[in-house]
Each structure stands twice: as structure tokens, then as C-alpha cells.
Amino acid sequence: MTIILIIFSAAVSLVCGYFLYGRWLGTKLFSLNAMFVVPSIEFRDEHDFVPTPTPIVFGHHFTSIAGTGPIVGPALAIMWGWGPALIWVILGSIFIGGMHDMAVLVVSLRNRGMTIGEIAGRLLNPRVRLLFLVLLLFALWVVLAIFGWVIADVFVQFPEAILPDFFQIPI
């Protein structure tokens, strides 16, 4: 299989996932309505709520979902081989990351742009808000620990990967 075919197949998978699966999620699961007024327009204050061009919003959310990819993706490719890592990155981006990000955005949009902690506090009680935020902090620590563990494991198993990774840091 040539690299061009692999890149083309991955790109087609991501585009189909975006348009087909994304449209299905929007219509069937979340019942999105194009007439809905988003919080950045409804509560515009030029500080917290500012309407932003679509490419900027796309960029922010793309980096959110792809943030772990450049770190863990090559590490998984070194440990598992490029085939399983590529499948994980493509399918994980579509069915896990994309679905998660879309769900969080929809929940936030339907709750006046609130964060998940604020929503939990409003729906249940203020103590739940604090508990949820603490749990999110611990979850973030776990994610960071896993990043560190995966990268450390790669460096131990493949010391020749240290120097190329070191030189990519400024990028």
C-alpha cells in the first residue's frame, strides 16, 4: 500500500466522519436547529461572549481534539506499529473525540454557554459543582500522568527517539 493511498483513505475517512457522522449526530441524537441563537450572540458583552468567525472556532476545537494526537500518536506508532496507531487515530478522532466534543458543545450551548461544572451546580446543587470541578482536576492530572507515562515508556524502549522529540519542542 502506498503512502498516498493511506493518506487519501485517512482523509476520506475523516471527511466522511465529519459530514456523515456529524450530520447524523446533529439531526438524530442532538436534534440541532439552525434557528437557535447561540450564547455569543444572545449574551454578547465583548468580553466573555463574543461572536467568532467559523474558521477560528474550528481551529480552537480542532486543536482541542487533536491536542493529544501529536503527543501520543507517534508514541503509539513506535510501540504498536503505524497500522494500529493510524486506525486508532482515525477511528478515535471520529467516534470518540468528535462525538465527545460535539456533545460538550451542544450541552454548553443549550445551557447559556455554561461550563460543565456550572451546569452540574445549577442542575443539582453548588456542592456538586465544586465536587465536579475537583473530579475534572483529578481527571486532568490522570491524563497528564498517562501522557508522561507513555512518552517515558517510549523513551525507555527506544532511546533513539529522544533527540528527534527534543528538537520538535520549539515547533
Foldseek 3Di string as FASTA:
>chain_A
DDPVVVVVVLVVLQVCLCPPVVVCCCCPVLNDDPPDDFLLVVVPDVPPRHDDDPVVVVVVLVCVLCVCCVQCLVLCCLVPNNVVSSVCSRCCVRPPSVSVVVVQVSVCRVVSNDHPLVVLCVVPNNVSSVVVVVVVVVVVVVVVVVSVVSVVVSCVVPVVVVVVVVVPVVD
